[in-house]
C-alpha atoms as a PDB file:
ATOM      1  CA  UNK A   1       0.000   0.000   0.000  1.00  0.00           C
ATOM      2  CA  UNK A   2       1.305   3.443  -0.919  1.00  0.00           C
ATOM      3  CA  UNK A   3       0.856   6.633   1.064  1.00  0.00           C
ATOM      4  CA  UNK A   4      -1.697   7.838  -1.505  1.00  0.00           C
ATOM      5  CA  UNK A   5      -3.621   4.531  -1.252  1.00  0.00           C
ATOM      6  CA  UNK A   6      -3.829   4.868   2.530  1.00  0.00           C
ATOM      7  CA  UNK A   7      -5.020   8.478   2.344  1.00  0.00           C
ATOM      8  CA  UNK A   8      -7.659   7.657  -0.259  1.00  0.00           C
ATOM      9  CA  UNK A   9      -9.059   4.926   1.997  1.00  0.00           C
ATOM     10  CA  UNK A  10      -8.956   7.244   5.018  1.00  0.00           C
ATOM     11  CA  UNK A  11     -10.837  10.016   3.200  1.00  0.00           C
ATOM     12  CA  UNK A  12     -13.668   7.566   2.451  1.00  0.00           C
ATOM     13  CA  UNK A  13     -14.054   6.853   6.189  1.00  0.00           C
ATOM     14  CA  UNK A  14     -14.404  10.505   7.128  1.00  0.00           C
ATOM     15  CA  UNK A  15     -17.867  11.934   7.798  1.00  0.00           C
ATOM     16  CA  UNK A  16     -19.306  14.284   5.208  1.00  0.00           C
ATOM     17  CA  UNK A  17     -17.719  17.718   5.779  1.00  0.00           C
ATOM     18  CA  UNK A  18     -19.787  20.832   6.508  1.00  0.00           C
ATOM     19  CA  UNK A  19     -20.995  22.918   3.584  1.00  0.00           C
ATOM     20  CA  UNK A  20     -18.507  25.682   4.344  1.00  0.00           C
ATOM     21  CA  UNK A  21     -15.649  23.303   3.480  1.00  0.00           C
ATOM     22  CA  UNK A  22     -15.410  23.822  -0.267  1.00  0.00           C
ATOM     23  CA  UNK A  23     -11.932  22.290  -0.667  1.00  0.00           C
ATOM     24  CA  UNK A  24     -11.974  18.925   1.134  1.00  0.00           C
ATOM     25  CA  UNK A  25      -8.985  16.698   1.988  1.00  0.00           C
ATOM     26  CA  UNK A  26      -6.843  15.730  -0.981  1.00  0.00           C
ATOM     27  CA  UNK A  27      -5.513  19.110  -2.087  1.00  0.00           C
ATOM     28  CA  UNK A  28      -2.527  21.129  -0.840  1.00  0.00           C
ATOM     29  CA  UNK A  29      -4.825  22.941   1.623  1.00  0.00           C
ATOM     30  CA  UNK A  30      -8.344  22.566   2.911  1.00  0.00           C
ATOM     31  CA  UNK A  31     -10.524  25.582   2.136  1.00  0.00           C
ATOM     32  CA  UNK A  32     -13.428  27.064   4.123  1.00  0.00           C
ATOM     33  CA  UNK A  33     -15.746  29.646   2.568  1.00  0.00           C
ATOM     34  CA  UNK A  34     -15.768  33.061   4.243  1.00  0.00           C
ATOM     35  CA  UNK A  35     -17.957  36.075   3.681  1.00  0.00           C
ATOM     36  CA  UNK A  36     -16.953  38.372   0.852  1.00  0.00           C
ATOM     37  CA  UNK A  37     -15.826  35.771  -1.676  1.00  0.00           C
ATOM     38  CA  UNK A  38     -12.685  34.552   0.077  1.00  0.00           C
ATOM     39  CA  UNK A  39     -11.524  31.154   1.288  1.00  0.00           C
ATOM     40  CA  UNK A  40      -9.724  30.392   4.536  1.00  0.00           C
ATOM     41  CA  UNK A  41      -6.904  27.952   3.707  1.00  0.00           C
ATOM     42  CA  UNK A  42      -5.512  25.485   6.265  1.00  0.00           C
ATOM     43  CA  UNK A  43      -2.609  23.052   5.894  1.00  0.00           C
ATOM     44  CA  UNK A  44      -0.229  21.122   8.149  1.00  0.00           C
ATOM     45  CA  UNK A  45       3.229  19.651   7.710  1.00  0.00           C
ATOM     46  CA  UNK A  46       6.094  18.389   9.836  1.00  0.00           C
ATOM     47  CA  UNK A  47       9.827  17.751   9.933  1.00  0.00           C
ATOM     48  CA  UNK A  48      11.276  14.599  11.476  1.00  0.00           C
ATOM     49  CA  UNK A  49      14.892  14.238  12.595  1.00  0.00           C
ATOM     50  CA  UNK A  50      16.625  11.686  10.394  1.00  0.00           C
ATOM     51  CA  UNK A  51      14.084  12.122   7.583  1.00  0.00           C
ATOM     52  CA  UNK A  52      13.724  15.812   6.807  1.00  0.00           C
ATOM     53  CA  UNK A  53      16.913  16.974   8.505  1.00  0.00           C
ATOM     54  CA  UNK A  54      20.122  15.490   9.879  1.00  0.00           C
ATOM     55  CA  UNK A  55      21.783  16.475  13.125  1.00  0.00           C
ATOM     56  CA  UNK A  56      25.325  15.418  12.253  1.00  0.00           C
ATOM     57  CA  UNK A  57      27.581  14.519   9.343  1.00  0.00           C
ATOM     58  CA  UNK A  58      28.331  16.247   6.048  1.00  0.00           C
ATOM     59  CA  UNK A  59      24.689  17.216   5.505  1.00  0.00           C
ATOM     60  CA  UNK A  60      23.900  18.352   9.053  1.00  0.00           C
ATOM     61  CA  UNK A  61      21.320  21.122   9.446  1.00  0.00           C
ATOM     62  CA  UNK A  62      21.513  24.013  11.884  1.00  0.00           C
ATOM     63  CA  UNK A  63      18.522  24.549  14.202  1.00  0.00           C
ATOM     64  CA  UNK A  64      17.742  27.775  12.317  1.00  0.00           C
ATOM     65  CA  UNK A  65      17.605  25.870   9.032  1.00  0.00           C
ATOM     66  CA  UNK A  66      15.238  23.284  10.502  1.00  0.00           C
ATOM     67  CA  UNK A  67      12.831  25.929  11.822  1.00  0.00           C
ATOM     68  CA  UNK A  68      12.954  27.809   8.543  1.00  0.00           C
ATOM     69  CA  UNK A  69      12.304  24.629   6.558  1.00  0.00           C
ATOM     70  CA  UNK A  70       9.258  23.704   8.632  1.00  0.00           C
ATOM     71  CA  UNK A  71       7.566  27.022   7.954  1.00  0.00           C
ATOM     72  CA  UNK A  72       8.717  27.131   4.321  1.00  0.00           C
ATOM     73  CA  UNK A  73       7.131  23.720   3.623  1.00  0.00           C
ATOM     74  CA  UNK A  74       3.796  25.046   4.842  1.00  0.00           C
ATOM     75  CA  UNK A  75       4.164  28.331   2.963  1.00  0.00           C
ATOM     76  CA  UNK A  76       4.691  26.274  -0.179  1.00  0.00           C
ATOM     77  CA  UNK A  77       1.285  24.629   0.357  1.00  0.00           C
ATOM     78  CA  UNK A  78      -0.361  28.051   0.616  1.00  0.00           C
ATOM     79  CA  UNK A  79       1.490  29.082  -2.545  1.00  0.00           C
ATOM     80  CA  UNK A  80       0.182  26.052  -4.436  1.00  0.00           C
ATOM     81  CA  UNK A  81      -3.362  27.362  -3.902  1.00  0.00           C
ATOM     82  CA  UNK A  82      -2.513  30.916  -4.980  1.00  0.00           C
ATOM     83  CA  UNK A  83      -3.051  32.097  -1.414  1.00  0.00           C
ATOM     84  CA  UNK A  84      -1.565  34.503   1.121  1.00  0.00           C
ATOM     85  CA  UNK A  85      -0.302  33.224   4.516  1.00  0.00           C
ATOM     86  CA  UNK A  86      -1.709  34.712   7.713  1.00  0.00           C
ATOM     87  CA  UNK A  87      -1.077  32.676  10.890  1.00  0.00           C
ATOM     88  CA  UNK A  88       0.615  29.502  12.064  1.00  0.00           C
ATOM     89  CA  UNK A  89       0.792  27.249  15.125  1.00  0.00           C
ATOM     90  CA  UNK A  90       3.789  25.022  15.802  1.00  0.00           C
ATOM     91  CA  UNK A  91       4.273  22.009  18.076  1.00  0.00           C
ATOM     92  CA  UNK A  92       7.677  20.520  18.874  1.00  0.00           C
ATOM     93  CA  UNK A  93       8.550  17.260  20.640  1.00  0.00           C
ATOM     94  CA  UNK A  94      12.242  17.597  21.483  1.00  0.00           C
ATOM     95  CA  UNK A  95      14.326  14.468  21.118  1.00  0.00           C
ATOM     96  CA  UNK A  96      17.079  13.299  23.418  1.00  0.00           C
ATOM     97  CA  UNK A  97      19.817  15.271  21.606  1.00  0.00           C
ATOM     98  CA  UNK A  98      18.142  18.678  21.735  1.00  0.00           C
ATOM     99  CA  UNK A  99      17.330  21.154  24.493  1.00  0.00           C
ATOM    100  CA  UNK A 100      16.230  24.726  25.087  1.00  0.00           C
ATOM    101  CA  UNK A 101      19.223  26.270  23.294  1.00  0.00           C
ATOM    102  CA  UNK A 102      18.517  24.239  20.143  1.00  0.00           C
ATOM    103  CA  UNK A 103      14.823  25.133  20.351  1.00  0.00           C
ATOM    104  CA  UNK A 104      15.571  28.838  20.720  1.00  0.00           C
ATOM    105  CA  UNK A 105      17.629  28.826  17.521  1.00  0.00           C
ATOM    106  CA  UNK A 106      14.975  26.705  15.783  1.00  0.00           C
ATOM    107  CA  UNK A 107      12.431  29.464  16.376  1.00  0.00           C
ATOM    108  CA  UNK A 108      14.964  32.099  15.276  1.00  0.00           C
ATOM    109  CA  UNK A 109      14.963  30.503  11.835  1.00  0.00           C
ATOM    110  CA  UNK A 110      11.205  30.102  11.718  1.00  0.00           C
ATOM    111  CA  UNK A 111      10.446  33.648  12.857  1.00  0.00           C
ATOM    112  CA  UNK A 112      12.943  35.235  10.460  1.00  0.00           C
ATOM    113  CA  UNK A 113      11.062  33.692   7.538  1.00  0.00           C
ATOM    114  CA  UNK A 114       7.679  34.436   9.128  1.00  0.00           C
ATOM    115  CA  UNK A 115       8.508  38.135   9.283  1.00  0.00           C
ATOM    116  CA  UNK A 116       9.432  38.164   5.605  1.00  0.00           C
ATOM    117  CA  UNK A 117       5.997  36.838   4.650  1.00  0.00           C
ATOM    118  CA  UNK A 118       3.997  38.684   7.325  1.00  0.00           C
ATOM    119  CA  UNK A 119       2.971  35.381   8.913  1.00  0.00           C
ATOM    120  CA  UNK A 120       2.249  35.370  12.641  1.00  0.00           C
ATOM    121  CA  UNK A 121       3.027  32.522  15.050  1.00  0.00           C
ATOM    122  CA  UNK A 122      -0.005  32.480  17.360  1.00  0.00           C
ATOM    123  CA  UNK A 123       0.382  29.298  19.421  1.00  0.00           C
ATOM    124  CA  UNK A 124       1.399  25.660  19.604  1.00  0.00           C
ATOM    125  CA  UNK A 125       2.769  23.129  22.077  1.00  0.00           C
ATOM    126  CA  UNK A 126       6.116  21.942  23.452  1.00  0.00           C
ATOM    127  CA  UNK A 127       6.982  18.494  24.776  1.00  0.00           C
ATOM    128  CA  UNK A 128       9.979  16.319  25.559  1.00  0.00           C
ATOM    129  CA  UNK A 129      10.182  13.046  23.633  1.00  0.00           C
ATOM    130  CA  UNK A 130      12.341   9.994  24.202  1.00  0.00           C
ATOM    131  CA  UNK A 131      13.728   9.560  20.693  1.00  0.00           C
ATOM    132  CA  UNK A 132      14.177  11.944  17.788  1.00  0.00           C
ATOM    133  CA  UNK A 133      12.927  15.500  17.449  1.00  0.00           C
ATOM    134  CA  UNK A 134       9.643  15.959  15.581  1.00  0.00           C
ATOM    135  CA  UNK A 135       8.170  19.382  14.826  1.00  0.00           C
ATOM    136  CA  UNK A 136       4.858  20.141  13.151  1.00  0.00           C
ATOM    137  CA  UNK A 137       3.189  23.312  11.961  1.00  0.00           C
ATOM    138  CA  UNK A 138      -0.351  24.241  10.985  1.00  0.00           C
ATOM    139  CA  UNK A 139      -0.730  27.242   8.718  1.00  0.00           C
ATOM    140  CA  UNK A 140      -3.738  29.432   7.968  1.00  0.00           C
ATOM    141  CA  UNK A 141      -3.998  31.569   4.845  1.00  0.00           C
ATOM    142  CA  UNK A 142      -6.518  33.211   2.575  1.00  0.00           C
ATOM    143  CA  UNK A 143      -7.339  33.149  -1.140  1.00  0.00           C
ATOM    144  CA  UNK A 144      -9.977  34.650  -3.405  1.00  0.00           C
ATOM    145  CA  UNK A 145     -12.430  31.817  -4.075  1.00  0.00           C
ATOM    146  CA  UNK A 146     -12.852  32.654  -7.762  1.00  0.00           C
ATOM    147  CA  UNK A 147      -9.074  32.524  -8.283  1.00  0.00           C
ATOM    148  CA  UNK A 148      -8.003  29.735  -5.942  1.00  0.00           C
ATOM    149  CA  UNK A 149      -5.811  27.118  -7.636  1.00  0.00           C
ATOM    150  CA  UNK A 150      -6.580  23.455  -7.080  1.00  0.00           C
ATOM    151  CA  UNK A 151      -5.164  20.210  -8.406  1.00  0.00           C
ATOM    152  CA  UNK A 152      -8.386  19.465 -10.247  1.00  0.00           C
ATOM    153  CA  UNK A 153      -8.664  22.356 -12.724  1.00  0.00           C
ATOM    154  CA  UNK A 154      -6.488  21.195 -15.632  1.00  0.00           C
ATOM    155  CA  UNK A 155      -8.127  20.719 -19.018  1.00  0.00           C
ATOM    156  CA  UNK A 156      -7.574  18.856 -22.265  1.00  0.00           C
ATOM    157  CA  UNK A 157      -4.739  20.410 -24.263  1.00  0.00           C
ATOM    158  CA  UNK A 158      -3.362  22.510 -21.394  1.00  0.00           C
ATOM    159  CA  UNK A 159       0.378  23.028 -21.342  1.00  0.00           C
ATOM    160  CA  UNK A 160       2.248  21.719 -18.307  1.00  0.00           C
ATOM    161  CA  UNK A 161       4.732  24.175 -16.823  1.00  0.00           C
ATOM    162  CA  UNK A 162       7.300  24.248 -14.020  1.00  0.00           C
ATOM    163  CA  UNK A 163       9.163  26.907 -12.092  1.00  0.00           C
ATOM    164  CA  UNK A 164      12.798  26.533 -11.089  1.00  0.00           C
ATOM    165  CA  UNK A 165      15.142  23.550 -11.196  1.00  0.00           C
ATOM    166  CA  UNK A 166      14.813  19.922 -10.112  1.00  0.00           C
ATOM    167  CA  UNK A 167      16.910  17.180  -8.527  1.00  0.00           C
ATOM    168  CA  UNK A 168      19.613  16.780  -5.863  1.00  0.00           C
ATOM    169  CA  UNK A 169      17.809  18.995  -3.384  1.00  0.00           C
ATOM    170  CA  UNK A 170      19.350  17.246  -0.389  1.00  0.00           C
ATOM    171  CA  UNK A 171      23.083  17.200  -1.269  1.00  0.00           C
ATOM    172  CA  UNK A 172      22.973  20.771  -2.597  1.00  0.00           C
ATOM    173  CA  UNK A 173      21.211  22.100   0.518  1.00  0.00           C
ATOM    174  CA  UNK A 174      18.261  23.372  -1.528  1.00  0.00           C
ATOM    175  CA  UNK A 175      15.818  21.511   0.746  1.00  0.00           C
ATOM    176  CA  UNK A 176      16.874  23.815   3.604  1.00  0.00           C
ATOM    177  CA  UNK A 177      17.113  27.146   1.786  1.00  0.00           C
ATOM    178  CA  UNK A 178      14.370  27.038  -0.869  1.00  0.00           C
ATOM    179  CA  UNK A 179      12.108  30.021  -1.389  1.00  0.00           C
ATOM    180  CA  UNK A 180       8.369  29.262  -1.243  1.00  0.00           C
ATOM    181  CA  UNK A 181       6.874  30.489  -4.531  1.00  0.00           C
ATOM    182  CA  UNK A 182       4.175  32.644  -2.959  1.00  0.00           C
ATOM    183  CA  UNK A 183       4.623  35.724  -5.136  1.00  0.00           C
ATOM    184  CA  UNK A 184       4.880  33.695  -8.328  1.00  0.00           C
ATOM    185  CA  UNK A 185       1.791  31.608  -7.577  1.00  0.00           C
ATOM    186  CA  UNK A 186      -0.281  34.661  -6.660  1.00  0.00           C
ATOM    187  CA  UNK A 187       0.746  36.327  -9.916  1.00  0.00           C
ATOM    188  CA  UNK A 188      -0.280  33.248 -11.919  1.00  0.00           C
ATOM    189  CA  UNK A 189      -3.614  33.221 -10.103  1.00  0.00           C
ATOM    190  CA  UNK A 190      -4.303  36.947 -10.415  1.00  0.00           C
ATOM    191  CA  UNK A 191      -3.371  37.045 -14.106  1.00  0.00           C
ATOM    192  CA  UNK A 192      -5.525  34.006 -14.859  1.00  0.00           C
ATOM    193  CA  UNK A 193      -2.771  31.892 -16.413  1.00  0.00           C
ATOM    194  CA  UNK A 194      -2.878  28.755 -14.258  1.00  0.00           C
ATOM    195  CA  UNK A 195      -5.841  26.368 -14.293  1.00  0.00           C
ATOM    196  CA  UNK A 196      -4.428  23.848 -11.772  1.00  0.00           C
ATOM    197  CA  UNK A 197      -1.358  23.770  -9.549  1.00  0.00           C
ATOM    198  CA  UNK A 198       0.628  21.633  -7.114  1.00  0.00           C
ATOM    199  CA  UNK A 199       3.956  22.122  -5.363  1.00  0.00           C
ATOM    200  CA  UNK A 200       6.696  19.509  -5.669  1.00  0.00           C
ATOM    201  CA  UNK A 201       7.499  18.022  -2.287  1.00  0.00           C
ATOM    202  CA  UNK A 202       7.699  14.276  -2.955  1.00  0.00           C
ATOM    203  CA  UNK A 203       9.102  14.383  -6.509  1.00  0.00           C
ATOM    204  CA  UNK A 204       8.150  15.755  -9.917  1.00  0.00           C
ATOM    205  CA  UNK A 205       6.657  12.501 -11.215  1.00  0.00           C
ATOM    206  CA  UNK A 206       4.697  11.548  -8.113  1.00  0.00           C
ATOM    207  CA  UNK A 207       3.290  15.061  -7.615  1.00  0.00           C
ATOM    208  CA  UNK A 208       2.505  15.491 -11.320  1.00  0.00           C
ATOM    209  CA  UNK A 209       0.607  12.211 -11.092  1.00  0.00           C
ATOM    210  CA  UNK A 210      -1.493  13.584  -8.229  1.00  0.00           C
ATOM    211  CA  UNK A 211      -2.498  16.614 -10.290  1.00  0.00           C
ATOM    212  CA  UNK A 212      -3.295  14.369 -13.261  1.00  0.00           C
ATOM    213  CA  UNK A 213      -5.554  12.075 -11.234  1.00  0.00           C
ATOM    214  CA  UNK A 214      -7.370  15.007  -9.635  1.00  0.00           C
ATOM    215  CA  UNK A 215      -7.982  16.609 -13.049  1.00  0.00           C
ATOM    216  CA  UNK A 216      -8.673  13.423 -15.021  1.00  0.00           C
ATOM    217  CA  UNK A 217      -5.850  14.038 -17.497  1.00  0.00           C
ATOM    218  CA  UNK A 218      -2.670  12.314 -18.641  1.00  0.00           C
ATOM    219  CA  UNK A 219       0.679  14.063 -18.866  1.00  0.00           C
ATOM    220  CA  UNK A 220       2.832  13.747 -21.970  1.00  0.00           C
ATOM    221  CA  UNK A 221       6.162  14.836 -20.528  1.00  0.00           C
ATOM    222  CA  UNK A 222       8.996  16.275 -22.598  1.00  0.00           C
ATOM    223  CA  UNK A 223      11.636  14.635 -20.443  1.00  0.00           C
ATOM    224  CA  UNK A 224      14.513  16.512 -22.046  1.00  0.00           C
ATOM    225  CA  UNK A 225      12.907  19.851 -21.209  1.00  0.00           C
ATOM    226  CA  UNK A 226      12.832  19.249 -17.438  1.00  0.00           C
ATOM    227  CA  UNK A 227      15.299  21.800 -15.969  1.00  0.00           C
ATOM    228  CA  UNK A 228      17.934  20.155 -13.793  1.00  0.00           C
ATOM    229  CA  UNK A 229      19.798  21.575 -10.811  1.00  0.00           C
ATOM    230  CA  UNK A 230      23.394  21.720 -12.051  1.00  0.00           C
ATOM    231  CA  UNK A 231      25.352  19.610 -14.499  1.00  0.00           C
ATOM    232  CA  UNK A 232      25.764  16.766 -12.007  1.00  0.00           C
ATOM    233  CA  UNK A 233      22.030  16.093 -11.753  1.00  0.00           C
ATOM    234  CA  UNK A 234      20.734  13.072 -13.680  1.00  0.00           C
ATOM    235  CA  UNK A 235      17.301  13.048 -15.254  1.00  0.00           C
ATOM    236  CA  UNK A 236      16.301  10.296 -12.818  1.00  0.00           C
ATOM    237  CA  UNK A 237      17.169  12.601  -9.913  1.00  0.00           C
ATOM    238  CA  UNK A 238      15.307  15.536 -11.452  1.00  0.00           C
ATOM    239  CA  UNK A 239      12.158  13.464 -11.871  1.00  0.00           C
ATOM    240  CA  UNK A 240      12.164  11.633  -8.553  1.00  0.00           C
ATOM    241  CA  UNK A 241      14.331  13.161  -5.809  1.00  0.00           C
ATOM    242  CA  UNK A 242      11.708  15.475  -4.292  1.00  0.00           C
ATOM    243  CA  UNK A 243      11.895  18.417  -1.876  1.00  0.00           C
ATOM    244  CA  UNK A 244      12.277  20.834  -4.789  1.00  0.00           C
ATOM    245  CA  UNK A 245       9.294  22.938  -3.627  1.00  0.00           C
ATOM    246  CA  UNK A 246       8.753  24.325  -7.097  1.00  0.00           C
ATOM    247  CA  UNK A 247       5.377  24.790  -8.771  1.00  0.00           C
ATOM    248  CA  UNK A 248       3.871  22.493 -11.391  1.00  0.00           C
ATOM    249  CA  UNK A 249       0.855  23.995 -13.119  1.00  0.00           C
ATOM    250  CA  UNK A 250      -1.360  23.770 -16.167  1.00  0.00           C
ATOM    251  CA  UNK A 251      -1.964  26.631 -18.587  1.00  0.00           C
ATOM    252  CA  UNK A 252      -4.740  26.662 -21.224  1.00  0.00           C
ATOM    253  CA  UNK A 253      -3.365  26.409 -24.745  1.00  0.00           C
ATOM    254  CA  UNK A 254      -4.506  29.874 -25.803  1.00  0.00           C
ATOM    255  CA  UNK A 255      -2.617  31.495 -22.889  1.00  0.00           C
ATOM    256  CA  UNK A 256       0.688  29.652 -23.142  1.00  0.00           C
ATOM    257  CA  UNK A 257       2.238  31.969 -25.718  1.00  0.00           C
ATOM    258  CA  UNK A 258       1.687  35.043 -23.558  1.00  0.00           C
ATOM    259  CA  UNK A 259       2.951  33.481 -20.338  1.00  0.00           C
ATOM    260  CA  UNK A 260       6.604  33.377 -21.329  1.00  0.00           C
ATOM    261  CA  UNK A 261       6.496  36.989 -22.513  1.00  0.00           C
ATOM    262  CA  UNK A 262       4.701  38.375 -19.469  1.00  0.00           C
ATOM    263  CA  UNK A 263       6.476  36.361 -16.737  1.00  0.00           C
ATOM    264  CA  UNK A 264       7.932  39.060 -14.456  1.00  0.00           C
ATOM    265  CA  UNK A 265      10.229  36.889 -12.303  1.00  0.00           C
ATOM    266  CA  UNK A 266      13.215  36.906 -14.629  1.00  0.00           C
ATOM    267  CA  UNK A 267      15.610  35.352 -12.105  1.00  0.00           C
ATOM    268  CA  UNK A 268      13.424  32.246 -11.814  1.00  0.00           C
ATOM    269  CA  UNK A 269      13.383  29.763 -14.724  1.00  0.00           C
ATOM    270  CA  UNK A 270       9.962  29.037 -16.205  1.00  0.00           C
ATOM    271  CA  UNK A 271       9.698  25.995 -18.468  1.00  0.00           C
ATOM    272  CA  UNK A 272       6.966  24.272 -20.452  1.00  0.00           C
ATOM    273  CA  UNK A 273       7.656  20.586 -19.850  1.00  0.00           C
ATOM    274  CA  UNK A 274       4.671  18.831 -21.377  1.00  0.00           C
ATOM    275  CA  UNK A 275       1.041  18.694 -22.413  1.00  0.00           C
ATOM    276  CA  UNK A 276      -2.065  17.397 -20.655  1.00  0.00           C
ATOM    277  CA  UNK A 277      -4.778  15.402 -22.407  1.00  0.00           C
ATOM    278  CA  UNK A 278      -8.114  14.206 -21.127  1.00  0.00           C
ATOM    279  CA  UNK A 279      -7.950  10.502 -20.233  1.00  0.00           C
ATOM    280  CA  UNK A 280     -10.264   7.941 -18.578  1.00  0.00           C
ATOM    281  CA  UNK A 281      -7.237   6.403 -16.834  1.00  0.00           C
ATOM    282  CA  UNK A 282      -4.740   9.193 -16.092  1.00  0.00           C
ATOM    283  CA  UNK A 283      -1.062   8.376 -16.450  1.00  0.00           C
ATOM    284  CA  UNK A 284       2.309   9.859 -17.327  1.00  0.00           C
ATOM    285  CA  UNK A 285       3.893   9.233 -20.728  1.00  0.00           C
ATOM    286  CA  UNK A 286       6.897  10.506 -22.626  1.00  0.00           C
ATOM    287  CA  UNK A 287       6.371  12.857 -25.556  1.00  0.00           C
ATOM    288  CA  UNK A 288       6.094   9.876 -27.915  1.00  0.00           C
ATOM    289  CA  UNK A 289       3.264   8.293 -25.920  1.00  0.00           C
ATOM    290  CA  UNK A 290       5.189   5.505 -24.166  1.00  0.00           C
ATOM    291  CA  UNK A 291       4.458   5.022 -20.448  1.00  0.00           C
ATOM    292  CA  UNK A 292       7.118   6.731 -18.362  1.00  0.00           C
ATOM    293  CA  UNK A 293       8.514   4.253 -15.875  1.00  0.00           C
ATOM    294  CA  UNK A 294      11.588   5.382 -13.923  1.00  0.00           C
ATOM    295  CA  UNK A 295      14.193   2.824 -12.903  1.00  0.00           C
ATOM    296  CA  UNK A 296      13.600   3.597  -9.228  1.00  0.00           C
ATOM    297  CA  UNK A 297      10.690   4.973  -7.172  1.00  0.00           C
ATOM    298  CA  UNK A 298       8.864   7.891  -8.871  1.00  0.00           C
ATOM    299  CA  UNK A 299       9.261   9.990  -5.733  1.00  0.00           C
ATOM    300  CA  UNK A 300       9.185   9.931  -1.956  1.00  0.00           C
ATOM    301  CA  UNK A 301       6.617   7.645  -0.314  1.00  0.00           C
ATOM    302  CA  UNK A 302       6.815   7.285   3.483  1.00  0.00           C
ATOM    303  CA  UNK A 303       5.089   3.899   3.290  1.00  0.00           C
ATOM    304  CA  UNK A 304       7.826   2.431   1.096  1.00  0.00           C
ATOM    305  CA  UNK A 305      10.958   3.875   2.781  1.00  0.00           C
END
């Protein structure tokens, strides 16, 4: 059973949500309808010592980097909906290797990033655990309902686009220092370019597949067009490594030509990497129509690692 299989079964067991919940579980955020045409967005994420950060060795993370990463992961979920962050709550269970000094620096990193995005830490919980440190964060944001971006909005013939570069996020340190694409996603939403969107946390292929299933489309991926992080990054790494925290999004065919010309974020690569086509059984194929099957896992799955 994969992580997605488990979640799909869990969602079926949940009671029917209230009418105000217009974006139910299964997207990057849940969304509650507010007065005035806006949605309240809510998401949660966590970092686990030994999984999302290391405490020693060549790839060790500072406490500031860990706190920053936890908030940045959640900001990326708000970005994927075209939203604006507002508040967050964080809970930390300190492991046996960490104490108050580590925790103080952890919140230094989190709060530095929070100030940049005008996001306010309003509560949480602290505990002492017996093993490794685990920290979680719940974020609250807002989006205009008529412009919110979901995984399910892609249409037949839409182009499939990506921001940034992919692969080798862990050895290059990108997973600790990435910039959540809040400004870029809001621009795509406000200008009406994107029809569906997801951020890449578990890997380009696995997250693209989630958007495809939600929208009922197949992706025909131009593998050679996928932008890689440095000359030492293989295509396999670009497609499957994960923790890139870039945006994947669909753009209607008639808008694709204008997007490249009007894109204002000139320091951030923007690449058309494929085309989406309506399909009864969504899948991912290369540009020639052959099923795309990587040699290894298509991305990060906590149930298979």
